[in-house]
C-alpha atoms as a PDB file:
ATOM      1  CA  MET A   1      59.363 146.408  16.943  1.00  0.00           C
ATOM      2  CA  GLU A   2      57.335 149.448  17.873  1.00  0.00           C
ATOM      3  CA  LYS A   3      53.616 148.925  17.365  1.00  0.00           C
ATOM      4  CA  ASN A   4      52.302 150.446  14.163  1.00  0.00           C
ATOM      5  CA  SER A   5      49.954 153.049  15.582  1.00  0.00           C
ATOM      6  CA  LYS A   6      48.942 154.355  12.154  1.00  0.00           C
ATOM      7  CA  PHE A   7      48.556 150.831  10.693  1.00  0.00           C
ATOM      8  CA  ARG A   8      47.187 151.688   7.286  1.00  0.00           C
ATOM      9  CA  PRO A   9      46.199 155.290   6.458  1.00  0.00           C
ATOM     10  CA  LYS A  10      43.122 155.862   4.328  1.00  0.00           C
ATOM     11  CA  LEU A  11      43.537 154.151   0.983  1.00  0.00           C
ATOM     12  CA  PRO A  12      44.217 156.544  -1.888  1.00  0.00           C
ATOM     13  CA  PRO A  13      41.812 156.498  -4.839  1.00  0.00           C
ATOM     14  CA  TRP A  14      44.181 154.441  -7.019  1.00  0.00           C
ATOM     15  CA  ILE A  15      44.106 151.475  -4.624  1.00  0.00           C
ATOM     16  CA  ARG A  16      40.733 149.850  -4.905  1.00  0.00           C
ATOM     17  CA  VAL A  17      40.455 146.096  -4.523  1.00  0.00           C
ATOM     18  CA  ARG A  18      37.832 144.543  -6.746  1.00  0.00           C
ATOM     19  CA  VAL A  19      35.537 142.247  -4.777  1.00  0.00           C
ATOM     20  CA  SER A  20      34.458 139.186  -6.741  1.00  0.00           C
ATOM     21  CA  CYS A  21      32.312 136.543  -5.167  1.00  0.00           C
ATOM     22  CA  GLY A  22      29.988 133.917  -6.525  1.00  0.00           C
ATOM     23  CA  LYS A  23      30.304 130.404  -7.869  1.00  0.00           C
ATOM     24  CA  GLU A  24      33.949 130.439  -9.024  1.00  0.00           C
ATOM     25  CA  ARG A  25      35.321 131.867  -5.785  1.00  0.00           C
ATOM     26  CA  ASN A  26      33.325 129.390  -3.726  1.00  0.00           C
ATOM     27  CA  GLU A  27      34.415 126.517  -5.959  1.00  0.00           C
ATOM     28  CA  VAL A  28      38.117 127.320  -5.456  1.00  0.00           C
ATOM     29  CA  ASP A  29      37.577 127.583  -1.712  1.00  0.00           C
ATOM     30  CA  SER A  30      35.830 124.194  -1.679  1.00  0.00           C
ATOM     31  CA  ILE A  31      38.591 122.489  -3.711  1.00  0.00           C
ATOM     32  CA  LEU A  32      41.362 123.838  -1.491  1.00  0.00           C
ATOM     33  CA  LYS A  33      39.626 122.946   1.749  1.00  0.00           C
ATOM     34  CA  GLY A  34      38.674 119.497   0.469  1.00  0.00           C
ATOM     35  CA  LEU A  35      42.290 118.715  -0.414  1.00  0.00           C
ATOM     36  CA  ARG A  36      43.709 120.333   2.753  1.00  0.00           C
ATOM     37  CA  LEU A  37      45.860 122.785   0.831  1.00  0.00           C
ATOM     38  CA  ASN A  38      47.282 126.133   1.876  1.00  0.00           C
ATOM     39  CA  THR A  39      47.493 129.160  -0.375  1.00  0.00           C
ATOM     40  CA  VAL A  40      49.604 132.250   0.013  1.00  0.00           C
ATOM     41  CA  CYS A  41      46.458 134.133  -1.016  1.00  0.00           C
ATOM     42  CA  GLU A  42      44.909 133.423   2.390  1.00  0.00           C
ATOM     43  CA  SER A  43      48.010 133.087   4.555  1.00  0.00           C
ATOM     44  CA  ALA A  44      49.572 136.350   3.393  1.00  0.00           C
ATOM     45  CA  GLU A  45      46.180 138.131   3.274  1.00  0.00           C
ATOM     46  CA  CYS A  46      46.641 139.101  -0.362  1.00  0.00           C
ATOM     47  CA  PRO A  47      44.374 141.986  -1.460  1.00  0.00           C
ATOM     48  CA  ASN A  48      43.750 140.251  -4.794  1.00  0.00           C
ATOM     49  CA  LEU A  49      42.360 137.022  -3.323  1.00  0.00           C
ATOM     50  CA  ASN A  50      38.740 137.546  -4.346  1.00  0.00           C
ATOM     51  CA  GLU A  51      39.624 138.562  -7.891  1.00  0.00           C
ATOM     52  CA  CYS A  52      42.043 135.678  -8.435  1.00  0.00           C
ATOM     53  CA  TRP A  53      39.797 133.042  -6.909  1.00  0.00           C
ATOM     54  CA  HIS A  54      36.922 134.352  -9.005  1.00  0.00           C
ATOM     55  CA  ARG A  55      39.154 133.668 -12.029  1.00  0.00           C
ATOM     56  CA  LYS A  56      39.900 130.206 -10.579  1.00  0.00           C
ATOM     57  CA  THR A  57      43.578 130.884  -9.922  1.00  0.00           C
ATOM     58  CA  ALA A  58      45.519 130.462  -6.680  1.00  0.00           C
ATOM     59  CA  THR A  59      49.136 130.377  -5.535  1.00  0.00           C
ATOM     60  CA  PHE A  60      49.744 127.129  -3.676  1.00  0.00           C
ATOM     61  CA  MET A  61      51.800 127.348  -0.488  1.00  0.00           C
ATOM     62  CA  ILE A  62      53.520 124.066   0.313  1.00  0.00           C
ATOM     63  CA  LEU A  63      55.476 122.752   3.329  1.00  0.00           C
ATOM     64  CA  GLY A  64      52.796 123.745   5.819  1.00  0.00           C
ATOM     65  CA  SER A  65      51.416 127.041   7.049  1.00  0.00           C
ATOM     66  CA  GLN A  66      54.063 127.944   9.637  1.00  0.00           C
ATOM     67  CA  CYS A  67      57.308 129.690   8.715  1.00  0.00           C
ATOM     68  CA  THR A  68      60.574 129.353  10.606  1.00  0.00           C
ATOM     69  CA  ARG A  69      61.237 133.020   9.899  1.00  0.00           C
ATOM     70  CA  ASN A  70      59.252 135.995  11.098  1.00  0.00           C
ATOM     71  CA  CYS A  71      59.577 138.797   8.548  1.00  0.00           C
ATOM     72  CA  LYS A  72      58.049 142.067   9.672  1.00  0.00           C
ATOM     73  CA  PHE A  73      56.004 142.607   6.508  1.00  0.00           C
ATOM     74  CA  CYS A  74      54.446 139.140   6.305  1.00  0.00           C
ATOM     75  CA  ALA A  75      51.174 137.773   7.706  1.00  0.00           C
ATOM     76  CA  VAL A  76      52.180 134.089   7.529  1.00  0.00           C
ATOM     77  CA  SER A  77      52.339 132.534  11.014  1.00  0.00           C
ATOM     78  CA  HIS A  78      55.688 131.771  12.632  1.00  0.00           C
ATOM     79  CA  SER A  79      57.029 128.696  14.444  1.00  0.00           C
ATOM     80  CA  PRO A  80      60.614 127.589  15.146  1.00  0.00           C
ATOM     81  CA  ALA A  81      59.538 123.947  14.796  1.00  0.00           C
ATOM     82  CA  PRO A  82      56.716 123.444  12.239  1.00  0.00           C
ATOM     83  CA  PRO A  83      55.216 119.997  11.600  1.00  0.00           C
ATOM     84  CA  PRO A  84      57.094 117.801   9.105  1.00  0.00           C
ATOM     85  CA  PRO A  85      56.150 118.019   5.397  1.00  0.00           C
ATOM     86  CA  GLU A  86      53.238 115.840   4.294  1.00  0.00           C
ATOM     87  CA  ALA A  87      54.347 113.203   1.800  1.00  0.00           C
ATOM     88  CA  ASP A  88      51.058 113.271  -0.118  1.00  0.00           C
ATOM     89  CA  GLU A  89      50.969 117.045  -0.540  1.00  0.00           C
ATOM     90  CA  PRO A  90      52.454 117.009  -4.077  1.00  0.00           C
ATOM     91  CA  ALA A  91      49.674 114.684  -5.256  1.00  0.00           C
ATOM     92  CA  ARG A  92      47.032 116.863  -3.584  1.00  0.00           C
ATOM     93  CA  VAL A  93      48.381 119.984  -5.311  1.00  0.00           C
ATOM     94  CA  ALA A  94      48.239 118.192  -8.667  1.00  0.00           C
ATOM     95  CA  GLU A  95      44.666 117.066  -7.984  1.00  0.00           C
ATOM     96  CA  ALA A  96      43.627 120.650  -7.199  1.00  0.00           C
ATOM     97  CA  VAL A  97      45.251 121.918 -10.392  1.00  0.00           C
ATOM     98  CA  LYS A  98      43.351 119.311 -12.421  1.00  0.00           C
ATOM     99  CA  LYS A  99      40.051 120.210 -10.768  1.00  0.00           C
ATOM    100  CA  MET A 100      40.646 123.919 -11.332  1.00  0.00           C
ATOM    101  CA  LYS A 101      41.705 123.295 -14.953  1.00  0.00           C
ATOM    102  CA  LEU A 102      44.799 125.468 -14.617  1.00  0.00           C
ATOM    103  CA  SER A 103      47.414 125.828 -17.349  1.00  0.00           C
ATOM    104  CA  TYR A 104      49.776 127.981 -15.246  1.00  0.00           C
ATOM    105  CA  VAL A 105      50.545 127.162 -11.617  1.00  0.00           C
ATOM    106  CA  VAL A 106      52.499 129.136  -9.028  1.00  0.00           C
ATOM    107  CA  VAL A 107      53.959 127.151  -6.142  1.00  0.00           C
ATOM    108  CA  THR A 108      55.526 128.897  -3.170  1.00  0.00           C
ATOM    109  CA  SER A 109      56.268 127.864   0.403  1.00  0.00           C
ATOM    110  CA  VAL A 110      56.915 128.955   3.912  1.00  0.00           C
ATOM    111  CA  THR A 111      60.617 129.061   4.763  1.00  0.00           C
ATOM    112  CA  ARG A 112      61.768 125.819   6.396  1.00  0.00           C
ATOM    113  CA  ASP A 113      65.186 126.396   7.942  1.00  0.00           C
ATOM    114  CA  ASP A 114      64.511 123.320  10.092  1.00  0.00           C
ATOM    115  CA  LEU A 115      64.809 120.984   7.078  1.00  0.00           C
ATOM    116  CA  PRO A 116      68.271 119.882   5.840  1.00  0.00           C
ATOM    117  CA  ASP A 117      67.595 121.094   2.292  1.00  0.00           C
ATOM    118  CA  GLY A 118      65.202 123.894   3.221  1.00  0.00           C
ATOM    119  CA  GLY A 119      62.358 122.003   1.555  1.00  0.00           C
ATOM    120  CA  ALA A 120      63.956 121.898  -1.903  1.00  0.00           C
ATOM    121  CA  SER A 121      63.213 118.189  -2.392  1.00  0.00           C
ATOM    122  CA  HIS A 122      59.543 118.840  -1.613  1.00  0.00           C
ATOM    123  CA  PHE A 123      59.433 121.582  -4.252  1.00  0.00           C
ATOM    124  CA  ALA A 124      60.974 119.101  -6.678  1.00  0.00           C
ATOM    125  CA  ALA A 125      58.355 116.481  -5.835  1.00  0.00           C
ATOM    126  CA  VAL A 126      55.523 118.961  -6.449  1.00  0.00           C
ATOM    127  CA  ILE A 127      56.948 119.954  -9.845  1.00  0.00           C
ATOM    128  CA  ARG A 128      57.332 116.287 -10.861  1.00  0.00           C
ATOM    129  CA  GLU A 129      53.793 115.468  -9.775  1.00  0.00           C
ATOM    130  CA  LEU A 130      52.331 118.410 -11.670  1.00  0.00           C
ATOM    131  CA  TYR A 131      54.140 117.534 -14.885  1.00  0.00           C
ATOM    132  CA  LYS A 132      53.033 113.923 -14.548  1.00  0.00           C
ATOM    133  CA  ALA A 133      49.398 114.698 -13.791  1.00  0.00           C
ATOM    134  CA  VAL A 134      48.592 117.743 -15.942  1.00  0.00           C
ATOM    135  CA  ASN A 135      49.358 117.906 -19.662  1.00  0.00           C
ATOM    136  CA  ASN A 136      51.297 120.966 -20.852  1.00  0.00           C
ATOM    137  CA  VAL A 137      51.087 122.723 -17.473  1.00  0.00           C
ATOM    138  CA  LYS A 138      53.525 125.554 -16.771  1.00  0.00           C
ATOM    139  CA  VAL A 139      54.930 125.703 -13.232  1.00  0.00           C
ATOM    140  CA  GLU A 140      56.399 128.799 -11.621  1.00  0.00           C
ATOM    141  CA  VAL A 141      58.161 128.290  -8.292  1.00  0.00           C
ATOM    142  CA  LEU A 142      58.637 131.085  -5.769  1.00  0.00           C
ATOM    143  CA  THR A 143      61.214 129.806  -3.310  1.00  0.00           C
ATOM    144  CA  PRO A 144      62.911 130.978  -0.123  1.00  0.00           C
ATOM    145  CA  ASP A 145      66.671 131.525  -0.192  1.00  0.00           C
ATOM    146  CA  PHE A 146      67.577 127.978   0.991  1.00  0.00           C
ATOM    147  CA  ASN A 147      70.243 129.724   3.097  1.00  0.00           C
ATOM    148  CA  GLY A 148      72.200 130.167  -0.113  1.00  0.00           C
ATOM    149  CA  SER A 149      72.611 126.429  -0.769  1.00  0.00           C
ATOM    150  CA  ILE A 150      73.486 125.748  -4.396  1.00  0.00           C
ATOM    151  CA  ASP A 151      72.667 122.052  -3.915  1.00  0.00           C
ATOM    152  CA  ALA A 152      69.136 122.924  -2.781  1.00  0.00           C
ATOM    153  CA  LEU A 153      68.725 125.346  -5.655  1.00  0.00           C
ATOM    154  CA  LYS A 154      69.926 122.730  -8.124  1.00  0.00           C
ATOM    155  CA  THR A 155      67.441 120.204  -6.694  1.00  0.00           C
ATOM    156  CA  VAL A 156      64.598 122.541  -7.714  1.00  0.00           C
ATOM    157  CA  LEU A 157      66.048 123.638 -11.059  1.00  0.00           C
ATOM    158  CA  ASP A 158      66.770 120.042 -12.125  1.00  0.00           C
ATOM    159  CA  GLU A 159      62.988 119.531 -12.359  1.00  0.00           C
ATOM    160  CA  LYS A 160      62.774 122.282 -14.996  1.00  0.00           C
ATOM    161  CA  PRO A 161      60.163 124.695 -13.613  1.00  0.00           C
ATOM    162  CA  SER A 162      58.867 127.105 -16.235  1.00  0.00           C
ATOM    163  CA  VAL A 163      59.949 130.107 -14.138  1.00  0.00           C
ATOM    164  CA  PHE A 164      62.177 130.346 -11.065  1.00  0.00           C
ATOM    165  CA  ASN A 165      61.240 133.179  -8.708  1.00  0.00           C
ATOM    166  CA  HIS A 166      62.878 134.476  -5.544  1.00  0.00           C
ATOM    167  CA  ASN A 167      61.901 137.867  -4.156  1.00  0.00           C
ATOM    168  CA  VAL A 168      64.446 140.401  -2.962  1.00  0.00           C
ATOM    169  CA  GLU A 169      61.433 142.124  -1.301  1.00  0.00           C
ATOM    170  CA  THR A 170      63.035 145.448  -0.296  1.00  0.00           C
ATOM    171  CA  VAL A 171      66.078 147.657  -0.746  1.00  0.00           C
ATOM    172  CA  GLU A 172      69.442 146.763   0.774  1.00  0.00           C
ATOM    173  CA  ARG A 173      69.328 149.343   3.583  1.00  0.00           C
ATOM    174  CA  LEU A 174      66.039 147.984   4.960  1.00  0.00           C
ATOM    175  CA  SER A 175      66.535 144.291   4.242  1.00  0.00           C
ATOM    176  CA  SER A 176      68.148 143.279   7.531  1.00  0.00           C
ATOM    177  CA  GLN A 177      65.519 145.210   9.512  1.00  0.00           C
ATOM    178  CA  ILE A 178      62.506 143.722   7.750  1.00  0.00           C
ATOM    179  CA  ARG A 179      63.502 140.258   6.474  1.00  0.00           C
ATOM    180  CA  SER A 180      64.081 137.731   9.230  1.00  0.00           C
ATOM    181  CA  ARG A 181      67.418 135.886   8.758  1.00  0.00           C
ATOM    182  CA  ALA A 182      67.459 136.861   5.082  1.00  0.00           C
ATOM    183  CA  ASN A 183      70.239 138.796   3.385  1.00  0.00           C
ATOM    184  CA  TYR A 184      69.970 141.147   0.414  1.00  0.00           C
ATOM    185  CA  ARG A 185      73.268 140.066  -1.129  1.00  0.00           C
ATOM    186  CA  ARG A 186      72.507 136.389  -0.570  1.00  0.00           C
ATOM    187  CA  SER A 187      69.216 136.815  -2.416  1.00  0.00           C
ATOM    188  CA  LEU A 188      71.019 138.429  -5.336  1.00  0.00           C
ATOM    189  CA  GLU A 189      73.553 135.598  -5.325  1.00  0.00           C
ATOM    190  CA  LEU A 190      70.722 133.041  -5.386  1.00  0.00           C
ATOM    191  CA  LEU A 191      69.246 134.753  -8.453  1.00  0.00           C
ATOM    192  CA  SER A 192      72.657 134.826 -10.135  1.00  0.00           C
ATOM    193  CA  ASN A 193      73.170 131.132  -9.424  1.00  0.00           C
ATOM    194  CA  ALA A 194      69.711 130.331 -10.763  1.00  0.00           C
ATOM    195  CA  VAL A 195      70.570 132.102 -14.016  1.00  0.00           C
ATOM    196  CA  ARG A 196      73.979 130.413 -14.170  1.00  0.00           C
ATOM    197  CA  ILE A 197      72.856 126.817 -13.594  1.00  0.00           C
ATOM    198  CA  GLY A 198      69.242 126.996 -14.730  1.00  0.00           C
ATOM    199  CA  GLY A 199      69.836 126.138 -18.356  1.00  0.00           C
ATOM    200  CA  GLY A 200      67.764 129.019 -19.692  1.00  0.00           C
ATOM    201  CA  ILE A 201      64.885 128.880 -17.179  1.00  0.00           C
ATOM    202  CA  PRO A 202      63.571 132.460 -16.828  1.00  0.00           C
ATOM    203  CA  VAL A 203      64.465 133.974 -13.449  1.00  0.00           C
ATOM    204  CA  LYS A 204      62.156 136.407 -11.696  1.00  0.00           C
ATOM    205  CA  SER A 205      62.219 138.619  -8.606  1.00  0.00           C
ATOM    206  CA  GLY A 206      60.056 141.193  -6.876  1.00  0.00           C
ATOM    207  CA  LEU A 207      60.126 144.349  -4.763  1.00  0.00           C
ATOM    208  CA  MET A 208      57.677 146.131  -2.470  1.00  0.00           C
ATOM    209  CA  ALA A 209      57.458 149.915  -2.194  1.00  0.00           C
ATOM    210  CA  GLY A 210      56.305 151.955   0.780  1.00  0.00           C
ATOM    211  CA  LEU A 211      58.504 150.445   3.486  1.00  0.00           C
ATOM    212  CA  GLY A 212      60.664 153.538   3.956  1.00  0.00           C
ATOM    213  CA  GLU A 213      62.915 153.322   0.914  1.00  0.00           C
ATOM    214  CA  THR A 214      63.746 156.225  -1.378  1.00  0.00           C
ATOM    215  CA  ASP A 215      63.030 156.304  -5.099  1.00  0.00           C
ATOM    216  CA  GLU A 216      66.767 156.146  -5.762  1.00  0.00           C
ATOM    217  CA  GLU A 217      67.055 152.997  -3.647  1.00  0.00           C
ATOM    218  CA  ILE A 218      64.288 151.362  -5.683  1.00  0.00           C
ATOM    219  CA  LEU A 219      66.176 152.171  -8.883  1.00  0.00           C
ATOM    220  CA  ASN A 220      69.375 150.751  -7.396  1.00  0.00           C
ATOM    221  CA  SER A 221      67.579 147.533  -6.454  1.00  0.00           C
ATOM    222  CA  ILE A 222      66.057 147.205  -9.907  1.00  0.00           C
ATOM    223  CA  ARG A 223      69.553 147.531 -11.340  1.00  0.00           C
ATOM    224  CA  ASP A 224      70.983 145.033  -8.817  1.00  0.00           C
ATOM    225  CA  ILE A 225      68.324 142.473  -9.760  1.00  0.00           C
ATOM    226  CA  ARG A 226      68.910 142.961 -13.470  1.00  0.00           C
ATOM    227  CA  ASN A 227      72.653 142.541 -12.950  1.00  0.00           C
ATOM    228  CA  THR A 228      72.019 139.000 -11.693  1.00  0.00           C
ATOM    229  CA  GLY A 229      70.639 138.112 -15.126  1.00  0.00           C
ATOM    230  CA  ALA A 230      67.038 137.940 -13.922  1.00  0.00           C
ATOM    231  CA  SER A 231      64.649 138.820 -16.751  1.00  0.00           C
ATOM    232  CA  ILE A 232      61.257 139.190 -15.021  1.00  0.00           C
ATOM    233  CA  LEU A 233      60.391 141.769 -12.344  1.00  0.00           C
ATOM    234  CA  THR A 234      57.378 142.669 -10.209  1.00  0.00           C
ATOM    235  CA  ILE A 235      56.989 145.841  -8.128  1.00  0.00           C
ATOM    236  CA  GLY A 236      53.970 146.490  -5.916  1.00  0.00           C
ATOM    237  CA  GLN A 237      52.703 148.581  -3.023  1.00  0.00           C
ATOM    238  CA  TYR A 238      53.349 147.311   0.511  1.00  0.00           C
ATOM    239  CA  LEU A 239      50.167 147.112   2.593  1.00  0.00           C
ATOM    240  CA  PRO A 240      50.746 146.137   6.247  1.00  0.00           C
ATOM    241  CA  PRO A 241      48.639 143.114   7.247  1.00  0.00           C
ATOM    242  CA  SER A 242      48.073 144.410  10.796  1.00  0.00           C
ATOM    243  CA  ALA A 243      49.094 147.054  13.322  1.00  0.00           C
ATOM    244  CA  GLU A 244      51.801 144.685  14.551  1.00  0.00           C
ATOM    245  CA  HIS A 245      53.642 144.635  11.233  1.00  0.00           C
ATOM    246  CA  TRP A 246      56.159 147.035   9.702  1.00  0.00           C
ATOM    247  CA  GLN A 247      54.667 150.515   9.486  1.00  0.00           C
ATOM    248  CA  LEU A 248      53.601 151.804   6.102  1.00  0.00           C
ATOM    249  CA  GLN A 249      55.684 154.847   5.147  1.00  0.00           C
ATOM    250  CA  ARG A 250      53.988 156.006   1.953  1.00  0.00           C
ATOM    251  CA  TYR A 251      51.547 155.221  -0.811  1.00  0.00           C
ATOM    252  CA  VAL A 252      53.335 155.351  -4.146  1.00  0.00           C
ATOM    253  CA  GLU A 253      51.391 156.895  -7.019  1.00  0.00           C
ATOM    254  CA  PRO A 254      50.743 154.830 -10.167  1.00  0.00           C
ATOM    255  CA  GLU A 255      52.838 157.198 -12.282  1.00  0.00           C
ATOM    256  CA  LYS A 256      55.895 156.408 -10.176  1.00  0.00           C
ATOM    257  CA  PHE A 257      55.330 152.668 -10.621  1.00  0.00           C
ATOM    258  CA  LYS A 258      55.097 153.313 -14.355  1.00  0.00           C
ATOM    259  CA  GLU A 259      58.434 155.173 -14.293  1.00  0.00           C
ATOM    260  CA  TRP A 260      60.068 152.276 -12.432  1.00  0.00           C
ATOM    261  CA  GLY A 261      58.665 149.820 -14.949  1.00  0.00           C
ATOM    262  CA  GLU A 262      60.012 151.846 -17.862  1.00  0.00           C
ATOM    263  CA  TYR A 263      63.410 152.036 -16.187  1.00  0.00           C
ATOM    264  CA  ALA A 264      63.416 148.253 -15.688  1.00  0.00           C
ATOM    265  CA  TYR A 265      62.608 147.705 -19.360  1.00  0.00           C
ATOM    266  CA  SER A 266      65.414 150.080 -20.323  1.00  0.00           C
ATOM    267  CA  LEU A 267      67.833 147.797 -18.451  1.00  0.00           C
ATOM    268  CA  GLY A 268      66.741 144.814 -20.495  1.00  0.00           C
ATOM    269  CA  PHE A 269      64.069 143.021 -18.458  1.00  0.00           C
ATOM    270  CA  SER A 270      61.842 140.905 -20.709  1.00  0.00           C
ATOM    271  CA  PHE A 271      58.684 141.381 -18.639  1.00  0.00           C
ATOM    272  CA  VAL A 272      57.841 143.864 -15.878  1.00  0.00           C
ATOM    273  CA  ALA A 273      54.669 144.235 -13.816  1.00  0.00           C
ATOM    274  CA  SER A 274      54.819 147.475 -11.814  1.00  0.00           C
ATOM    275  CA  SER A 275      51.711 148.988 -10.247  1.00  0.00           C
ATOM    276  CA  PRO A 276      50.205 149.357  -6.758  1.00  0.00           C
ATOM    277  CA  LEU A 277      48.291 146.082  -6.547  1.00  0.00           C
ATOM    278  CA  VAL A 278      50.896 143.926  -8.290  1.00  0.00           C
ATOM    279  CA  ARG A 279      51.983 140.943  -6.210  1.00  0.00           C
ATOM    280  CA  SER A 280      54.662 138.443  -7.126  1.00  0.00           C
ATOM    281  CA  SER A 281      52.223 135.870  -8.529  1.00  0.00           C
ATOM    282  CA  TYR A 282      49.341 138.183  -9.507  1.00  0.00           C
ATOM    283  CA  ASN A 283      48.386 137.562 -13.148  1.00  0.00           C
ATOM    284  CA  ALA A 284      51.523 135.432 -13.491  1.00  0.00           C
ATOM    285  CA  GLU A 285      49.874 133.599 -16.370  1.00  0.00           C
ATOM    286  CA  GLU A 286      50.441 136.724 -18.490  1.00  0.00           C
ATOM    287  CA  LEU A 287      53.907 135.270 -19.041  1.00  0.00           C
ATOM    288  CA  LEU A 288      52.297 132.650 -21.260  1.00  0.00           C
ATOM    289  CA  GLU A 289      50.788 135.374 -23.424  1.00  0.00           C
ATOM    290  CA  LYS A 290      54.166 137.100 -23.676  1.00  0.00           C
ATOM    291  CA  LYS A 291      55.670 133.832 -24.951  1.00  0.00           C
ATOM    292  CA  LEU A 292      58.707 134.121 -22.686  1.00  0.00           C
ATOM    293  CA  PHE A 293      59.246 130.345 -22.638  1.00  0.00           C
END
């Protein structure tokens, strides 16, 4: 890929990351380090890290810190042969959730194409451990595509997560250029299968804007996601993690995100978060307030 010479143009006035430090942020950092846990907040260089950690929330990233894929938008490190999963990781995640007094937990992972089930059984173990250790906790899982395996998907859904999430990430035209080994249609099929076999578990997906797509392509993707039966959608602004990543093509104005959100609601989505700093798990606990499950 050609080096991103522009990297990230000057931030527009509507993108301002709130910096929150202090006791709560430091406490989350201490808990995570003490239990040897990874978060997507750090690994993906999320712009909302300080705000979320200040509010004592974090998105746990299981199955290690190295991904077998190398997507051009993502800051997570890449390795074709990551270390094996750690058997005690589910218990450590549950311990962190107890210490942080969380009622809503988001669990995601690196992609593990090297594992026979893509890491689905490890997701299942984390969900089981959380339900066993924390009363009334809600668990959202954000999974890779498991190479389209229905068996792997069923392994996760059988543990009854509160929300099942898989991100389409970008429009169909750009998907093969940006998403390593992933496939737009396979992602849609995974969402459809999750709706079909999930027994009523809400299904969620997300898109980024600013990668070179047109407005019409965003609308088409919103419609494609809704046609799978997914009922929850997030849309946010792409911000390249470094000059080596996919080049930013545009900053999308808040009014356009609002239009996309209104369009998504018109198609029947139950909950939509669409604004520049929205990320897939940002303020995910709002789903509790919306009483969607």
